Amino acid sequence: MADDKVVIIGAGPAGLTAALQLQRQGIPPLLLERHKVGGLLNNAHWVENYPGFVEGISGPDLVDLFHRQVERLGVIITPEEVIAVKYQDSLFWITTNKREILAKILVAATGTKAKDFPRGIISGNPESKIFSEVFPLLNEKGKTILIVGAGDAGLDYALNLARKNQVIILNRKSSIKGLTMLWNRVQENDSIKYFPEMEIEKIVSSDKGSISVFARSGVKTKNFNPDFLLTAIGREPELGFADAEFLKQADGLQNQKVLYLIGDLHNGDFRQTSLAVSDGIRAAMEIEQKLEIG
């Protein structure tokens, strides 16, 4: 059973920055990541509001810089999935897919997860054709990809994938929720088709592995047969590690400065890399103060 002062769950921008700052302060953290370093930043086509990059930078390239920076400072990213966390006897008991870990302070930077379609919409077994993140599709070429959702994420996904594919965007509303700048770029792209007021009725997979998407507009139903479907219908906090008892304790533990919920996990609709980075720095500095006081 490992015993660490500080454990960070999640190596997205918030978790990486918290780890970087803690390392600089002489408090090496245990940084756990279950899947892909960088989190949702891997989905970003082009980041234009992160200071220091005059021309902007792609999400994956910015992730690579973050990764290289923390490695240079000696931060080790441990590939483990946190399954459960409980707090008792003034310690966090963290169960991963490999072991149990004890920690004095826990930083949760687990981000968000995609919202699912309502029950009953999907029939058959189309899982291999439906995605909620864009990065698994970035190497596809010459395909038709249908995106459900026209917020910032949906528009950004479309611009990213339209470089090599034909893209269809379905929006259940009549208005665009995403940034005007992104919408203007989508309209200028001949590889992207946009359909407003399209409510998904059902998604069906055939025995051959193809999928059919039926969407209603008024009294008419239109059928789409994409190679892949990408959902961008909203996200919610990723708290799969926390049971009801832990959630009850969370406010009190945050007040005690032993639990930190940072980045997209607690920022609601304000999912921005710069805010996540700020959260990580602040958490690390407060942790240093907490440990000094004892």
C-alpha atoms as a PDB file:
ATOM      1  CA  MET A   1       0.000   0.000   0.000  1.00  0.00           C
ATOM      2  CA  ALA A   2       1.592   3.241  -1.181  1.00  0.00           C
ATOM      3  CA  ASP A   3       1.473   6.318   1.053  1.00  0.00           C
ATOM      4  CA  ASP A   4       1.780   9.739  -0.629  1.00  0.00           C
ATOM      5  CA  LYS A   5       1.343  13.271   0.623  1.00  0.00           C
ATOM      6  CA  VAL A   6      -0.481  14.484  -2.477  1.00  0.00           C
ATOM      7  CA  VAL A   7      -2.291  12.462  -5.125  1.00  0.00           C
ATOM      8  CA  ILE A   8      -3.637  14.040  -8.312  1.00  0.00           C
ATOM      9  CA  ILE A   9      -6.279  12.242 -10.363  1.00  0.00           C
ATOM     10  CA  GLY A  10      -6.203  13.285 -14.000  1.00  0.00           C
ATOM     11  CA  ALA A  11      -3.430  14.557 -16.279  1.00  0.00           C
ATOM     12  CA  GLY A  12      -5.331  17.180 -18.230  1.00  0.00           C
ATOM     13  CA  PRO A  13      -4.212  20.838 -18.167  1.00  0.00           C
ATOM     14  CA  ALA A  14      -5.357  21.331 -14.543  1.00  0.00           C
ATOM     15  CA  GLY A  15      -3.745  18.167 -13.194  1.00  0.00           C
ATOM     16  CA  LEU A  16      -0.539  18.644 -15.165  1.00  0.00           C
ATOM     17  CA  THR A  17      -0.170  22.235 -13.966  1.00  0.00           C
ATOM     18  CA  ALA A  18      -0.851  21.312 -10.342  1.00  0.00           C
ATOM     19  CA  ALA A  19       1.779  18.582 -10.608  1.00  0.00           C
ATOM     20  CA  LEU A  20       4.282  20.937 -12.240  1.00  0.00           C
ATOM     21  CA  GLN A  21       3.875  23.582  -9.536  1.00  0.00           C
ATOM     22  CA  LEU A  22       4.012  21.060  -6.694  1.00  0.00           C
ATOM     23  CA  GLN A  23       7.191  19.585  -8.150  1.00  0.00           C
ATOM     24  CA  ARG A  24       8.739  23.057  -8.280  1.00  0.00           C
ATOM     25  CA  GLN A  25       7.773  23.578  -4.639  1.00  0.00           C
ATOM     26  CA  GLY A  26       9.544  20.380  -3.574  1.00  0.00           C
ATOM     27  CA  ILE A  27       6.329  18.379  -3.066  1.00  0.00           C
ATOM     28  CA  PRO A  28       6.476  15.599  -5.689  1.00  0.00           C
ATOM     29  CA  PRO A  29       2.892  14.408  -6.271  1.00  0.00           C
ATOM     30  CA  LEU A  30       1.606  11.056  -7.446  1.00  0.00           C
ATOM     31  CA  LEU A  31      -0.136  11.901 -10.728  1.00  0.00           C
ATOM     32  CA  LEU A  32      -2.566   9.250 -11.971  1.00  0.00           C
ATOM     33  CA  GLU A  33      -4.057   9.152 -15.472  1.00  0.00           C
ATOM     34  CA  ARG A  34      -6.340   6.378 -16.691  1.00  0.00           C
ATOM     35  CA  HIS A  35      -6.336   7.139 -20.395  1.00  0.00           C
ATOM     36  CA  LYS A  36      -4.795   9.956 -22.421  1.00  0.00           C
ATOM     37  CA  VAL A  37      -2.602  12.779 -21.147  1.00  0.00           C
ATOM     38  CA  GLY A  38      -4.120  16.178 -21.951  1.00  0.00           C
ATOM     39  CA  GLY A  39      -7.797  15.347 -21.541  1.00  0.00           C
ATOM     40  CA  LEU A  40     -10.237  17.261 -23.727  1.00  0.00           C
ATOM     41  CA  LEU A  41      -7.468  19.518 -24.998  1.00  0.00           C
ATOM     42  CA  ASN A  42      -6.651  16.669 -27.394  1.00  0.00           C
ATOM     43  CA  ASN A  43      -9.970  17.453 -29.112  1.00  0.00           C
ATOM     44  CA  ALA A  44      -9.227  21.114 -29.785  1.00  0.00           C
ATOM     45  CA  HIS A  45      -8.709  21.983 -33.435  1.00  0.00           C
ATOM     46  CA  TRP A  46      -7.084  25.345 -32.746  1.00  0.00           C
ATOM     47  CA  VAL A  47      -6.528  27.155 -29.435  1.00  0.00           C
ATOM     48  CA  GLU A  48      -6.476  30.902 -29.987  1.00  0.00           C
ATOM     49  CA  ASN A  49      -7.069  32.305 -26.505  1.00  0.00           C
ATOM     50  CA  TYR A  50      -4.158  30.766 -24.604  1.00  0.00           C
ATOM     51  CA  PRO A  51      -1.622  33.531 -23.886  1.00  0.00           C
ATOM     52  CA  GLY A  52       1.783  33.342 -25.495  1.00  0.00           C
ATOM     53  CA  PHE A  53       0.799  31.759 -28.805  1.00  0.00           C
ATOM     54  CA  VAL A  54       0.286  34.676 -31.143  1.00  0.00           C
ATOM     55  CA  GLU A  55      -0.899  32.588 -34.100  1.00  0.00           C
ATOM     56  CA  GLY A  56      -2.676  30.005 -31.962  1.00  0.00           C
ATOM     57  CA  ILE A  57      -1.752  26.362 -31.492  1.00  0.00           C
ATOM     58  CA  SER A  58      -3.505  23.048 -32.007  1.00  0.00           C
ATOM     59  CA  GLY A  59      -4.796  21.277 -28.921  1.00  0.00           C
ATOM     60  CA  PRO A  60      -2.573  18.195 -29.379  1.00  0.00           C
ATOM     61  CA  ASP A  61       0.520  20.375 -29.893  1.00  0.00           C
ATOM     62  CA  LEU A  62      -0.228  22.292 -26.690  1.00  0.00           C
ATOM     63  CA  VAL A  63      -0.698  18.978 -24.850  1.00  0.00           C
ATOM     64  CA  ASP A  64       2.703  17.874 -26.129  1.00  0.00           C
ATOM     65  CA  LEU A  65       4.321  21.034 -24.761  1.00  0.00           C
ATOM     66  CA  PHE A  66       2.634  20.574 -21.373  1.00  0.00           C
ATOM     67  CA  HIS A  67       3.742  16.940 -21.283  1.00  0.00           C
ATOM     68  CA  ARG A  68       7.343  17.755 -22.169  1.00  0.00           C
ATOM     69  CA  GLN A  69       7.471  20.537 -19.591  1.00  0.00           C
ATOM     70  CA  VAL A  70       6.304  18.419 -16.653  1.00  0.00           C
ATOM     71  CA  GLU A  71       8.627  15.589 -17.680  1.00  0.00           C
ATOM     72  CA  ARG A  72      11.567  17.996 -17.779  1.00  0.00           C
ATOM     73  CA  LEU A  73      10.836  18.931 -14.168  1.00  0.00           C
ATOM     74  CA  GLY A  74      10.690  15.276 -13.145  1.00  0.00           C
ATOM     75  CA  VAL A  75       6.939  14.735 -12.864  1.00  0.00           C
ATOM     76  CA  ILE A  76       6.026  11.086 -13.450  1.00  0.00           C
ATOM     77  CA  ILE A  77       2.600  10.307 -14.933  1.00  0.00           C
ATOM     78  CA  THR A  78       1.405   6.957 -13.639  1.00  0.00           C
ATOM     79  CA  PRO A  79      -1.041   5.041 -15.889  1.00  0.00           C
ATOM     80  CA  GLU A  80      -3.655   3.884 -13.400  1.00  0.00           C
ATOM     81  CA  GLU A  81      -7.429   4.245 -13.190  1.00  0.00           C
ATOM     82  CA  VAL A  82      -8.941   5.409  -9.909  1.00  0.00           C
ATOM     83  CA  ILE A  83     -11.946   3.248  -9.154  1.00  0.00           C
ATOM     84  CA  ALA A  84     -13.000   4.525  -5.731  1.00  0.00           C
ATOM     85  CA  VAL A  85     -12.057   7.066  -3.076  1.00  0.00           C
ATOM     86  CA  LYS A  86     -13.080   7.245   0.557  1.00  0.00           C
ATOM     87  CA  TYR A  87     -11.956   9.500   3.405  1.00  0.00           C
ATOM     88  CA  GLN A  88     -11.432   8.212   6.918  1.00  0.00           C
ATOM     89  CA  ASP A  89      -8.928   8.635   9.763  1.00  0.00           C
ATOM     90  CA  SER A  90      -7.739  11.909   8.186  1.00  0.00           C
ATOM     91  CA  LEU A  91      -6.561  10.112   5.042  1.00  0.00           C
ATOM     92  CA  PHE A  92      -7.825   9.492   1.536  1.00  0.00           C
ATOM     93  CA  TRP A  93      -8.047   5.786   0.709  1.00  0.00           C
ATOM     94  CA  ILE A  94      -7.684   5.599  -3.057  1.00  0.00           C
ATOM     95  CA  THR A  95      -8.386   2.355  -4.874  1.00  0.00           C
ATOM     96  CA  THR A  96      -6.987   2.042  -8.394  1.00  0.00           C
ATOM     97  CA  ASN A  97      -7.109  -0.817 -10.874  1.00  0.00           C
ATOM     98  CA  LYS A  98      -3.714  -1.923  -9.515  1.00  0.00           C
ATOM     99  CA  ARG A  99      -3.438  -1.068  -5.803  1.00  0.00           C
ATOM    100  CA  GLU A 100      -4.608   0.967  -2.835  1.00  0.00           C
ATOM    101  CA  ILE A 101      -3.002   4.305  -2.027  1.00  0.00           C
ATOM    102  CA  LEU A 102      -3.180   6.512   1.058  1.00  0.00           C
ATOM    103  CA  ALA A 103      -2.892  10.292   0.716  1.00  0.00           C
ATOM    104  CA  LYS A 104      -3.094  13.317   2.979  1.00  0.00           C
ATOM    105  CA  ILE A 105      -4.314  15.577   0.180  1.00  0.00           C
ATOM    106  CA  LEU A 106      -6.274  14.737  -2.948  1.00  0.00           C
ATOM    107  CA  VAL A 107      -6.529  16.836  -6.094  1.00  0.00           C
ATOM    108  CA  ALA A 108      -9.321  15.720  -8.421  1.00  0.00           C
ATOM    109  CA  ALA A 109      -8.798  16.944 -11.975  1.00  0.00           C
ATOM    110  CA  THR A 110     -10.916  14.325 -13.702  1.00  0.00           C
ATOM    111  CA  GLY A 111     -12.653  16.712 -16.100  1.00  0.00           C
ATOM    112  CA  THR A 112     -15.976  15.901 -17.685  1.00  0.00           C
ATOM    113  CA  LYS A 113     -17.667  13.076 -19.552  1.00  0.00           C
ATOM    114  CA  ALA A 114     -19.987  13.283 -22.541  1.00  0.00           C
ATOM    115  CA  LYS A 115     -23.716  13.163 -21.955  1.00  0.00           C
ATOM    116  CA  ASP A 116     -25.458  10.135 -23.408  1.00  0.00           C
ATOM    117  CA  PHE A 117     -28.392  10.078 -25.786  1.00  0.00           C
ATOM    118  CA  PRO A 118     -31.724   9.460 -24.043  1.00  0.00           C
ATOM    119  CA  ARG A 119     -32.506   5.814 -23.396  1.00  0.00           C
ATOM    120  CA  GLY A 120     -34.060   3.989 -26.330  1.00  0.00           C
ATOM    121  CA  ILE A 121     -32.636   6.121 -29.143  1.00  0.00           C
ATOM    122  CA  ILE A 122     -29.824   3.691 -30.025  1.00  0.00           C
ATOM    123  CA  SER A 123     -30.677   0.200 -31.210  1.00  0.00           C
ATOM    124  CA  GLY A 124     -28.463  -2.599 -32.428  1.00  0.00           C
ATOM    125  CA  ASN A 125     -24.751  -2.515 -31.638  1.00  0.00           C
ATOM    126  CA  PRO A 126     -23.237   0.633 -33.201  1.00  0.00           C
ATOM    127  CA  GLU A 127     -20.650   1.344 -30.477  1.00  0.00           C
ATOM    128  CA  SER A 128     -17.705   1.085 -32.880  1.00  0.00           C
ATOM    129  CA  LYS A 129     -19.251   3.854 -34.992  1.00  0.00           C
ATOM    130  CA  ILE A 130     -20.243   6.340 -32.272  1.00  0.00           C
ATOM    131  CA  PHE A 131     -17.712   8.595 -30.528  1.00  0.00           C
ATOM    132  CA  SER A 132     -17.855  11.391 -27.973  1.00  0.00           C
ATOM    133  CA  GLU A 133     -14.253  12.576 -28.486  1.00  0.00           C
ATOM    134  CA  VAL A 134     -12.748  13.712 -31.768  1.00  0.00           C
ATOM    135  CA  PHE A 135      -9.180  12.428 -31.430  1.00  0.00           C
ATOM    136  CA  PRO A 136      -9.971   8.764 -32.334  1.00  0.00           C
ATOM    137  CA  LEU A 137     -11.200  10.021 -35.720  1.00  0.00           C
ATOM    138  CA  LEU A 138      -8.348  12.349 -36.616  1.00  0.00           C
ATOM    139  CA  ASN A 139      -6.660   9.825 -38.919  1.00  0.00           C
ATOM    140  CA  GLU A 140      -9.832   9.097 -40.889  1.00  0.00           C
ATOM    141  CA  LYS A 141      -9.828  10.259 -44.487  1.00  0.00           C
ATOM    142  CA  GLY A 142     -12.545  10.433 -47.116  1.00  0.00           C
ATOM    143  CA  LYS A 143     -15.334   9.502 -44.698  1.00  0.00           C
ATOM    144  CA  THR A 144     -18.695  11.049 -43.897  1.00  0.00           C
ATOM    145  CA  ILE A 145     -18.879  12.043 -40.250  1.00  0.00           C
ATOM    146  CA  LEU A 146     -22.097  13.257 -38.658  1.00  0.00           C
ATOM    147  CA  ILE A 147     -21.822  15.540 -35.631  1.00  0.00           C
ATOM    148  CA  VAL A 148     -24.778  16.006 -33.291  1.00  0.00           C
ATOM    149  CA  GLY A 149     -24.558  19.401 -31.585  1.00  0.00           C
ATOM    150  CA  ALA A 150     -23.668  22.939 -32.674  1.00  0.00           C
ATOM    151  CA  GLY A 151     -22.004  24.420 -29.616  1.00  0.00           C
ATOM    152  CA  ASP A 152     -18.330  25.392 -29.490  1.00  0.00           C
ATOM    153  CA  ALA A 153     -17.276  21.728 -29.296  1.00  0.00           C
ATOM    154  CA  GLY A 154     -19.410  20.596 -32.220  1.00  0.00           C
ATOM    155  CA  LEU A 155     -18.252  23.420 -34.482  1.00  0.00           C
ATOM    156  CA  ASP A 156     -14.608  22.916 -33.522  1.00  0.00           C
ATOM    157  CA  TYR A 157     -14.882  19.163 -34.124  1.00  0.00           C
ATOM    158  CA  ALA A 158     -16.368  19.854 -37.557  1.00  0.00           C
ATOM    159  CA  LEU A 159     -13.533  22.180 -38.586  1.00  0.00           C
ATOM    160  CA  ASN A 160     -10.976  19.648 -37.375  1.00  0.00           C
ATOM    161  CA  LEU A 161     -12.464  16.682 -39.233  1.00  0.00           C
ATOM    162  CA  ALA A 162     -13.415  18.570 -42.404  1.00  0.00           C
ATOM    163  CA  ARG A 163      -9.775  18.823 -43.415  1.00  0.00           C
ATOM    164  CA  LYS A 164      -9.918  15.208 -44.648  1.00  0.00           C
ATOM    165  CA  ASN A 165     -13.615  14.272 -44.582  1.00  0.00           C
ATOM    166  CA  GLN A 166     -17.153  15.361 -45.368  1.00  0.00           C
ATOM    167  CA  VAL A 167     -18.918  16.556 -42.214  1.00  0.00           C
ATOM    168  CA  ILE A 168     -22.603  16.957 -41.403  1.00  0.00           C
ATOM    169  CA  ILE A 169     -23.739  18.975 -38.362  1.00  0.00           C
ATOM    170  CA  LEU A 170     -27.196  18.427 -36.898  1.00  0.00           C
ATOM    171  CA  ASN A 171     -28.511  21.068 -34.512  1.00  0.00           C
ATOM    172  CA  ARG A 172     -31.776  20.440 -32.671  1.00  0.00           C
ATOM    173  CA  LYS A 173     -32.262  24.192 -32.286  1.00  0.00           C
ATOM    174  CA  SER A 174     -32.730  26.931 -34.868  1.00  0.00           C
ATOM    175  CA  SER A 175     -29.897  29.068 -33.504  1.00  0.00           C
ATOM    176  CA  ILE A 176     -26.181  28.436 -33.083  1.00  0.00           C
ATOM    177  CA  LYS A 177     -24.833  28.225 -29.540  1.00  0.00           C
ATOM    178  CA  GLY A 178     -21.152  28.251 -30.522  1.00  0.00           C
ATOM    179  CA  LEU A 179     -18.801  31.174 -31.027  1.00  0.00           C
ATOM    180  CA  THR A 180     -19.601  33.447 -33.968  1.00  0.00           C
ATOM    181  CA  MET A 181     -16.002  33.134 -35.159  1.00  0.00           C
ATOM    182  CA  LEU A 182     -16.273  29.330 -35.333  1.00  0.00           C
ATOM    183  CA  TRP A 183     -19.683  29.490 -36.997  1.00  0.00           C
ATOM    184  CA  ASN A 184     -18.345  31.838 -39.671  1.00  0.00           C
ATOM    185  CA  ARG A 185     -15.527  29.409 -40.431  1.00  0.00           C
ATOM    186  CA  VAL A 186     -17.962  26.503 -40.621  1.00  0.00           C
ATOM    187  CA  GLN A 187     -20.121  28.404 -43.116  1.00  0.00           C
ATOM    188  CA  GLU A 188     -17.091  29.109 -45.283  1.00  0.00           C
ATOM    189  CA  ASN A 189     -16.073  25.425 -45.396  1.00  0.00           C
ATOM    190  CA  ASP A 190     -17.474  23.524 -48.390  1.00  0.00           C
ATOM    191  CA  SER A 191     -16.804  20.186 -46.673  1.00  0.00           C
ATOM    192  CA  ILE A 192     -19.342  20.920 -43.929  1.00  0.00           C
ATOM    193  CA  LYS A 193     -23.127  20.747 -44.285  1.00  0.00           C
ATOM    194  CA  TYR A 194     -25.370  22.170 -41.574  1.00  0.00           C
ATOM    195  CA  PHE A 195     -28.952  21.201 -40.722  1.00  0.00           C
ATOM    196  CA  PRO A 196     -30.852  23.187 -38.045  1.00  0.00           C
ATOM    197  CA  GLU A 197     -33.927  22.043 -36.116  1.00  0.00           C
ATOM    198  CA  MET A 198     -33.026  18.371 -36.383  1.00  0.00           C
ATOM    199  CA  GLU A 199     -34.066  16.222 -33.410  1.00  0.00           C
ATOM    200  CA  ILE A 200     -32.521  12.746 -33.301  1.00  0.00           C
ATOM    201  CA  GLU A 201     -35.267  10.088 -33.271  1.00  0.00           C
ATOM    202  CA  LYS A 202     -33.223   6.915 -33.483  1.00  0.00           C
ATOM    203  CA  ILE A 203     -29.846   5.491 -34.409  1.00  0.00           C
ATOM    204  CA  VAL A 204     -29.827   2.007 -35.884  1.00  0.00           C
ATOM    205  CA  SER A 205     -26.953  -0.291 -36.777  1.00  0.00           C
ATOM    206  CA  SER A 206     -27.186  -2.958 -39.456  1.00  0.00           C
ATOM    207  CA  ASP A 207     -25.750  -6.470 -39.404  1.00  0.00           C
ATOM    208  CA  LYS A 208     -22.993  -5.224 -41.732  1.00  0.00           C
ATOM    209  CA  GLY A 209     -21.865  -2.577 -39.244  1.00  0.00           C
ATOM    210  CA  SER A 210     -23.272   0.501 -40.970  1.00  0.00           C
ATOM    211  CA  ILE A 211     -25.407   3.011 -39.076  1.00  0.00           C
ATOM    212  CA  SER A 212     -28.535   4.944 -39.968  1.00  0.00           C
ATOM    213  CA  VAL A 213     -29.444   8.146 -38.156  1.00  0.00           C
ATOM    214  CA  PHE A 214     -33.052   9.295 -38.283  1.00  0.00           C
ATOM    215  CA  ALA A 215     -33.673  12.941 -37.401  1.00  0.00           C
ATOM    216  CA  ARG A 216     -36.982  14.771 -37.322  1.00  0.00           C
ATOM    217  CA  SER A 217     -37.519  18.322 -38.523  1.00  0.00           C
ATOM    218  CA  GLY A 218     -41.115  19.360 -37.908  1.00  0.00           C
ATOM    219  CA  VAL A 219     -43.268  16.524 -39.257  1.00  0.00           C
ATOM    220  CA  LYS A 220     -40.600  15.215 -41.644  1.00  0.00           C
ATOM    221  CA  THR A 221     -37.921  12.639 -40.853  1.00  0.00           C
ATOM    222  CA  LYS A 222     -34.589  12.610 -42.692  1.00  0.00           C
ATOM    223  CA  ASN A 223     -32.260   9.623 -42.856  1.00  0.00           C
ATOM    224  CA  PHE A 224     -28.463   9.980 -42.733  1.00  0.00           C
ATOM    225  CA  ASN A 225     -25.980   7.153 -43.303  1.00  0.00           C
ATOM    226  CA  PRO A 226     -22.614   8.381 -42.040  1.00  0.00           C
ATOM    227  CA  ASP A 227     -19.484   6.321 -41.567  1.00  0.00           C
ATOM    228  CA  PHE A 228     -19.189   7.665 -38.020  1.00  0.00           C
ATOM    229  CA  LEU A 229     -21.278   9.652 -35.563  1.00  0.00           C
ATOM    230  CA  LEU A 230     -19.727  12.114 -33.125  1.00  0.00           C
ATOM    231  CA  THR A 231     -21.765  13.455 -30.222  1.00  0.00           C
ATOM    232  CA  ALA A 232     -21.363  16.994 -28.904  1.00  0.00           C
ATOM    233  CA  ILE A 233     -24.576  17.308 -26.899  1.00  0.00           C
ATOM    234  CA  GLY A 234     -23.065  18.483 -23.643  1.00  0.00           C
ATOM    235  CA  ARG A 235     -20.845  17.265 -20.845  1.00  0.00           C
ATOM    236  CA  GLU A 236     -21.125  16.627 -17.113  1.00  0.00           C
ATOM    237  CA  PRO A 237     -18.580  16.317 -14.271  1.00  0.00           C
ATOM    238  CA  GLU A 238     -16.635  13.048 -14.243  1.00  0.00           C
ATOM    239  CA  LEU A 239     -17.128  11.814 -10.680  1.00  0.00           C
ATOM    240  CA  GLY A 240     -17.101   8.088 -11.278  1.00  0.00           C
ATOM    241  CA  PHE A 241     -14.605   7.624  -8.444  1.00  0.00           C
ATOM    242  CA  ALA A 242     -16.879   9.241  -5.833  1.00  0.00           C
ATOM    243  CA  ASP A 243     -19.743   7.470  -4.067  1.00  0.00           C
ATOM    244  CA  ALA A 244     -22.621   9.203  -2.298  1.00  0.00           C
ATOM    245  CA  GLU A 245     -20.824   9.247   1.061  1.00  0.00           C
ATOM    246  CA  PHE A 246     -17.733  10.873  -0.405  1.00  0.00           C
ATOM    247  CA  LEU A 247     -19.824  13.509  -2.162  1.00  0.00           C
ATOM    248  CA  LYS A 248     -21.451  14.360   1.173  1.00  0.00           C
ATOM    249  CA  GLN A 249     -17.995  14.914   2.669  1.00  0.00           C
ATOM    250  CA  ALA A 250     -16.644  16.910  -0.280  1.00  0.00           C
ATOM    251  CA  ASP A 251     -17.606  20.440   0.832  1.00  0.00           C
ATOM    252  CA  GLY A 252     -16.158  19.951   4.280  1.00  0.00           C
ATOM    253  CA  LEU A 253     -12.941  18.454   2.902  1.00  0.00           C
ATOM    254  CA  GLN A 254     -12.523  21.382   0.531  1.00  0.00           C
ATOM    255  CA  ASN A 255     -12.986  23.797   3.430  1.00  0.00           C
ATOM    256  CA  GLN A 256     -10.251  21.921   5.294  1.00  0.00           C
ATOM    257  CA  LYS A 257      -7.957  22.382   2.260  1.00  0.00           C
ATOM    258  CA  VAL A 258      -7.326  18.657   1.898  1.00  0.00           C
ATOM    259  CA  LEU A 259      -9.517  18.135  -1.178  1.00  0.00           C
ATOM    260  CA  TYR A 260      -9.284  20.206  -4.346  1.00  0.00           C
ATOM    261  CA  LEU A 261     -11.683  19.908  -7.288  1.00  0.00           C
ATOM    262  CA  ILE A 262     -10.047  21.737 -10.161  1.00  0.00           C
ATOM    263  CA  GLY A 263     -10.343  22.378 -13.880  1.00  0.00           C
ATOM    264  CA  ASP A 264     -13.323  21.332 -15.951  1.00  0.00           C
ATOM    265  CA  LEU A 265     -14.532  19.092 -13.134  1.00  0.00           C
ATOM    266  CA  HIS A 266     -15.902  22.103 -11.281  1.00  0.00           C
ATOM    267  CA  ASN A 267     -15.874  24.933 -13.819  1.00  0.00           C
ATOM    268  CA  GLY A 268     -19.242  24.161 -15.393  1.00  0.00           C
ATOM    269  CA  ASP A 269     -19.621  25.730 -18.823  1.00  0.00           C
ATOM    270  CA  PHE A 270     -16.355  27.639 -18.397  1.00  0.00           C
ATOM    271  CA  ARG A 271     -14.189  24.892 -19.891  1.00  0.00           C
ATOM    272  CA  GLN A 272     -11.078  26.821 -20.869  1.00  0.00           C
ATOM    273  CA  THR A 273      -7.455  25.727 -20.761  1.00  0.00           C
ATOM    274  CA  SER A 274      -6.314  28.975 -19.172  1.00  0.00           C
ATOM    275  CA  LEU A 275      -8.817  28.576 -16.313  1.00  0.00           C
ATOM    276  CA  ALA A 276      -7.750  24.964 -15.761  1.00  0.00           C
ATOM    277  CA  VAL A 277      -4.102  26.010 -15.628  1.00  0.00           C
ATOM    278  CA  SER A 278      -4.944  28.752 -13.130  1.00  0.00           C
ATOM    279  CA  ASP A 279      -6.815  26.242 -10.963  1.00  0.00           C
ATOM    280  CA  GLY A 280      -3.799  23.939 -10.961  1.00  0.00           C
ATOM    281  CA  ILE A 281      -1.348  26.653  -9.908  1.00  0.00           C
ATOM    282  CA  ARG A 282      -3.623  27.951  -7.155  1.00  0.00           C
ATOM    283  CA  ALA A 283      -4.298  24.482  -5.756  1.00  0.00           C
ATOM    284  CA  ALA A 284      -0.582  23.690  -5.611  1.00  0.00           C
ATOM    285  CA  MET A 285       0.238  26.947  -3.838  1.00  0.00           C
ATOM    286  CA  GLU A 286      -2.543  26.411  -1.286  1.00  0.00           C
ATOM    287  CA  ILE A 287      -1.331  22.846  -0.722  1.00  0.00           C
ATOM    288  CA  GLU A 288       2.172  24.120   0.053  1.00  0.00           C
ATOM    289  CA  GLN A 289       0.712  26.496   2.649  1.00  0.00           C
ATOM    290  CA  LYS A 290      -1.397  23.707   4.139  1.00  0.00           C
ATOM    291  CA  LEU A 291       1.556  21.345   4.495  1.00  0.00           C
ATOM    292  CA  GLU A 292       3.752  24.070   6.009  1.00  0.00           C
ATOM    293  CA  ILE A 293       1.121  24.794   8.662  1.00  0.00           C
ATOM    294  CA  GLY A 294       0.731  21.092   9.259  1.00  0.00           C
END
